[in-house]
Amino acid sequence: MLRFPDGTQVRVTGLSEILATLSSEGRKPDKETAEEILDRLEKNNNYMPPSARREYRSAVLQEYREYVANRNKQSHQHGQEEH
């Protein structure tokens, strides 16, 4: 589920997998990565109105930032448990 700043949520196919793949590739959460996410979502037959592309880019970038931060937090917590 993709969340927009105004609270709107849109179901998109394959978002979790795309975020996981890009994270495993070490992609940074930046505009270039956001565009890559949008391209991959469109290849998964997700429709994004051209007039809303900027909003979608911002939303997927925020989702990816949160995903990366959560992964980093989890790996940091696992590292502490081992010591």
N, C-alpha and C. Protein backbone atom coordinates (compact mmCIF):
# COMPACT_ATOMS: atom_id res chain seq x y z
N MET A 1 0.85 -1.17 0.00
CA MET A 1 0.00 0.00 0.00
C MET A 1 0.90 1.24 0.00
N LEU A 2 0.63 2.11 -0.91
CA LEU A 2 1.41 3.35 -1.03
C LEU A 2 0.63 4.47 -0.35
N ARG A 3 1.30 5.17 0.59
CA ARG A 3 0.65 6.24 1.34
C ARG A 3 1.12 7.60 0.84
N PHE A 4 0.17 8.48 0.66
CA PHE A 4 0.47 9.85 0.24
C PHE A 4 0.37 10.77 1.45
N PRO A 5 1.04 11.93 1.41
CA PRO A 5 1.02 12.84 2.56
C PRO A 5 -0.38 13.26 3.02
N ASP A 6 -1.35 13.29 2.09
CA ASP A 6 -2.70 13.70 2.47
C ASP A 6 -3.51 12.57 3.09
N GLY A 7 -2.87 11.40 3.28
CA GLY A 7 -3.55 10.26 3.89
C GLY A 7 -4.13 9.28 2.89
N THR A 8 -4.16 9.64 1.63
CA THR A 8 -4.66 8.74 0.59
C THR A 8 -3.75 7.51 0.51
N GLN A 9 -4.36 6.35 0.33
CA GLN A 9 -3.60 5.12 0.15
C GLN A 9 -4.00 4.49 -1.19
N VAL A 10 -3.01 4.00 -1.91
CA VAL A 10 -3.24 3.37 -3.21
C VAL A 10 -2.56 2.00 -3.20
N ARG A 11 -3.33 1.01 -3.62
CA ARG A 11 -2.76 -0.34 -3.71
C ARG A 11 -1.91 -0.43 -4.98
N VAL A 12 -0.67 -0.87 -4.81
CA VAL A 12 0.23 -1.06 -5.95
C VAL A 12 0.78 -2.47 -5.89
N THR A 13 0.90 -3.08 -7.04
CA THR A 13 1.38 -4.46 -7.12
C THR A 13 2.89 -4.49 -7.17
N GLY A 14 3.49 -5.28 -6.28
CA GLY A 14 4.93 -5.53 -6.34
C GLY A 14 5.80 -4.54 -5.61
N LEU A 15 5.21 -3.60 -4.87
CA LEU A 15 6.03 -2.58 -4.22
C LEU A 15 7.01 -3.18 -3.22
N SER A 16 6.55 -4.08 -2.38
CA SER A 16 7.43 -4.67 -1.37
C SER A 16 8.62 -5.36 -1.99
N GLU A 17 8.37 -6.11 -3.07
CA GLU A 17 9.45 -6.82 -3.74
C GLU A 17 10.45 -5.85 -4.36
N ILE A 18 9.93 -4.78 -4.95
CA ILE A 18 10.81 -3.79 -5.58
C ILE A 18 11.69 -3.12 -4.52
N LEU A 19 11.10 -2.74 -3.39
CA LEU A 19 11.88 -2.12 -2.33
C LEU A 19 12.95 -3.06 -1.81
N ALA A 20 12.59 -4.33 -1.64
CA ALA A 20 13.57 -5.31 -1.15
C ALA A 20 14.71 -5.50 -2.14
N THR A 21 14.38 -5.57 -3.42
CA THR A 21 15.40 -5.75 -4.46
C THR A 21 16.36 -4.57 -4.49
N LEU A 22 15.81 -3.37 -4.52
CA LEU A 22 16.66 -2.18 -4.60
C LEU A 22 17.51 -2.04 -3.34
N SER A 23 16.95 -2.37 -2.20
CA SER A 23 17.72 -2.31 -0.95
C SER A 23 18.88 -3.31 -0.98
N SER A 24 18.60 -4.51 -1.47
CA SER A 24 19.66 -5.53 -1.53
C SER A 24 20.75 -5.14 -2.53
N GLU A 25 20.38 -4.30 -3.51
CA GLU A 25 21.37 -3.79 -4.46
C GLU A 25 22.14 -2.60 -3.90
N GLY A 26 21.75 -2.16 -2.68
CA GLY A 26 22.44 -1.05 -2.05
C GLY A 26 22.07 0.31 -2.60
N ARG A 27 20.89 0.41 -3.23
CA ARG A 27 20.47 1.69 -3.81
C ARG A 27 20.14 2.68 -2.72
N LYS A 28 20.57 3.90 -2.91
CA LYS A 28 20.31 4.97 -1.95
C LYS A 28 18.91 5.54 -2.18
N PRO A 29 18.26 6.02 -1.12
CA PRO A 29 16.94 6.64 -1.28
C PRO A 29 17.07 8.05 -1.85
N ASP A 30 17.08 8.13 -3.18
CA ASP A 30 17.19 9.43 -3.84
C ASP A 30 16.22 9.48 -5.02
N LYS A 31 16.21 10.61 -5.73
CA LYS A 31 15.26 10.78 -6.84
C LYS A 31 15.46 9.74 -7.93
N GLU A 32 16.71 9.38 -8.20
CA GLU A 32 16.99 8.37 -9.23
C GLU A 32 16.36 7.03 -8.85
N THR A 33 16.51 6.64 -7.60
CA THR A 33 15.91 5.39 -7.14
C THR A 33 14.39 5.48 -7.18
N ALA A 34 13.83 6.63 -6.82
CA ALA A 34 12.38 6.81 -6.88
C ALA A 34 11.88 6.62 -8.30
N GLU A 35 12.59 7.15 -9.28
CA GLU A 35 12.21 6.96 -10.68
C GLU A 35 12.28 5.49 -11.07
N GLU A 36 13.31 4.79 -10.58
CA GLU A 36 13.45 3.36 -10.86
C GLU A 36 12.26 2.59 -10.27
N ILE A 37 11.85 2.96 -9.06
CA ILE A 37 10.70 2.31 -8.44
C ILE A 37 9.45 2.53 -9.29
N LEU A 38 9.23 3.78 -9.73
CA LEU A 38 8.07 4.07 -10.58
C LEU A 38 8.11 3.26 -11.87
N ASP A 39 9.28 3.19 -12.50
CA ASP A 39 9.41 2.43 -13.75
C ASP A 39 9.06 0.96 -13.52
N ARG A 40 9.57 0.40 -12.43
CA ARG A 40 9.29 -1.01 -12.14
C ARG A 40 7.82 -1.23 -11.79
N LEU A 41 7.22 -0.28 -11.08
CA LEU A 41 5.79 -0.41 -10.78
C LEU A 41 4.97 -0.39 -12.06
N GLU A 42 5.32 0.50 -12.98
CA GLU A 42 4.59 0.55 -14.25
C GLU A 42 4.76 -0.74 -15.04
N LYS A 43 5.94 -1.35 -14.97
CA LYS A 43 6.16 -2.63 -15.65
C LYS A 43 5.32 -3.74 -15.03
N ASN A 44 4.92 -3.56 -13.76
CA ASN A 44 4.04 -4.51 -13.07
C ASN A 44 2.57 -4.17 -13.29
N ASN A 45 2.30 -3.35 -14.32
CA ASN A 45 0.93 -2.97 -14.69
C ASN A 45 0.22 -2.12 -13.65
N ASN A 46 0.97 -1.31 -12.92
CA ASN A 46 0.37 -0.32 -12.03
C ASN A 46 0.20 0.96 -12.83
N TYR A 47 -1.02 1.49 -12.83
CA TYR A 47 -1.28 2.72 -13.56
C TYR A 47 -1.03 3.92 -12.66
N MET A 48 -0.27 4.88 -13.18
CA MET A 48 -0.05 6.13 -12.49
C MET A 48 -0.38 7.26 -13.45
N PRO A 49 -1.34 8.09 -13.11
CA PRO A 49 -1.67 9.20 -14.00
C PRO A 49 -0.46 10.10 -14.20
N PRO A 50 -0.14 10.45 -15.43
CA PRO A 50 1.02 11.32 -15.67
C PRO A 50 0.97 12.62 -14.86
N SER A 51 -0.22 13.14 -14.63
CA SER A 51 -0.35 14.38 -13.87
C SER A 51 0.00 14.21 -12.40
N ALA A 52 0.05 12.96 -11.92
CA ALA A 52 0.34 12.70 -10.51
C ALA A 52 1.72 12.08 -10.30
N ARG A 53 2.52 12.02 -11.35
CA ARG A 53 3.82 11.34 -11.25
C ARG A 53 4.70 11.94 -10.15
N ARG A 54 4.70 13.26 -10.03
CA ARG A 54 5.54 13.89 -9.02
C ARG A 54 5.11 13.44 -7.61
N GLU A 55 3.80 13.37 -7.38
CA GLU A 55 3.29 12.93 -6.08
C GLU A 55 3.65 11.47 -5.84
N TYR A 56 3.52 10.65 -6.86
CA TYR A 56 3.90 9.24 -6.73
C TYR A 56 5.40 9.12 -6.42
N ARG A 57 6.22 9.92 -7.10
CA ARG A 57 7.66 9.86 -6.86
C ARG A 57 7.98 10.20 -5.40
N SER A 58 7.34 11.24 -4.89
CA SER A 58 7.56 11.61 -3.49
C SER A 58 7.11 10.50 -2.55
N ALA A 59 5.96 9.90 -2.86
CA ALA A 59 5.41 8.84 -1.99
C ALA A 59 6.30 7.61 -2.00
N VAL A 60 6.76 7.17 -3.18
CA VAL A 60 7.60 5.97 -3.22
C VAL A 60 8.96 6.25 -2.59
N LEU A 61 9.46 7.46 -2.73
CA LEU A 61 10.73 7.81 -2.10
C LEU A 61 10.60 7.74 -0.58
N GLN A 62 9.50 8.25 -0.05
CA GLN A 62 9.27 8.18 1.40
C GLN A 62 9.14 6.73 1.85
N GLU A 63 8.42 5.92 1.09
CA GLU A 63 8.29 4.50 1.43
C GLU A 63 9.65 3.82 1.45
N TYR A 64 10.47 4.12 0.45
CA TYR A 64 11.79 3.50 0.37
C TYR A 64 12.68 3.96 1.53
N ARG A 65 12.63 5.26 1.86
CA ARG A 65 13.41 5.76 3.00
C ARG A 65 13.03 5.00 4.28
N GLU A 66 11.73 4.84 4.50
CA GLU A 66 11.26 4.11 5.69
C GLU A 66 11.71 2.66 5.65
N TYR A 67 11.63 2.05 4.47
CA TYR A 67 12.04 0.65 4.33
C TYR A 67 13.51 0.49 4.68
N VAL A 68 14.36 1.35 4.13
CA VAL A 68 15.80 1.28 4.38
C VAL A 68 16.10 1.54 5.86
N ALA A 69 15.44 2.54 6.44
CA ALA A 69 15.66 2.86 7.86
C ALA A 69 15.26 1.67 8.74
N ASN A 70 14.15 1.02 8.43
CA ASN A 70 13.71 -0.13 9.22
C ASN A 70 14.66 -1.30 9.07
N ARG A 71 15.16 -1.52 7.86
CA ARG A 71 16.14 -2.60 7.65
C ARG A 71 17.42 -2.32 8.43
N ASN A 72 17.88 -1.08 8.39
CA ASN A 72 19.09 -0.72 9.12
C ASN A 72 18.89 -0.89 10.62
N LYS A 73 17.72 -0.49 11.11
CA LYS A 73 17.42 -0.62 12.54
C LYS A 73 17.39 -2.09 12.94
N GLN A 74 16.77 -2.92 12.11
CA GLN A 74 16.70 -4.35 12.41
C GLN A 74 18.08 -4.99 12.41
N SER A 75 18.90 -4.66 11.42
CA SER A 75 20.23 -5.26 11.37
C SER A 75 21.08 -4.77 12.53
N HIS A 76 20.89 -3.53 12.95
CA HIS A 76 21.61 -2.99 14.09
C HIS A 76 21.18 -3.71 15.37
N GLN A 77 19.88 -3.96 15.53
CA GLN A 77 19.38 -4.66 16.71
C GLN A 77 19.88 -6.10 16.75
N HIS A 78 19.93 -6.76 15.59
CA HIS A 78 20.44 -8.13 15.55
C HIS A 78 21.91 -8.15 15.91
N GLY A 79 22.65 -7.15 15.48
CA GLY A 79 24.06 -7.06 15.81
C GLY A 79 24.28 -6.89 17.29
N GLN A 80 23.42 -6.14 17.97
CA GLN A 80 23.54 -5.94 19.41
C GLN A 80 23.20 -7.23 20.16
N GLU A 81 22.25 -7.99 19.66
CA GLU A 81 21.84 -9.23 20.32
C GLU A 81 22.97 -10.26 20.34
N GLU A 82 23.83 -10.19 19.32
CA GLU A 82 24.91 -11.16 19.22
C GLU A 82 26.03 -10.89 20.20
N HIS A 83 26.11 -9.68 20.73
CA HIS A 83 27.22 -9.33 21.63
C HIS A 83 26.90 -9.58 23.05
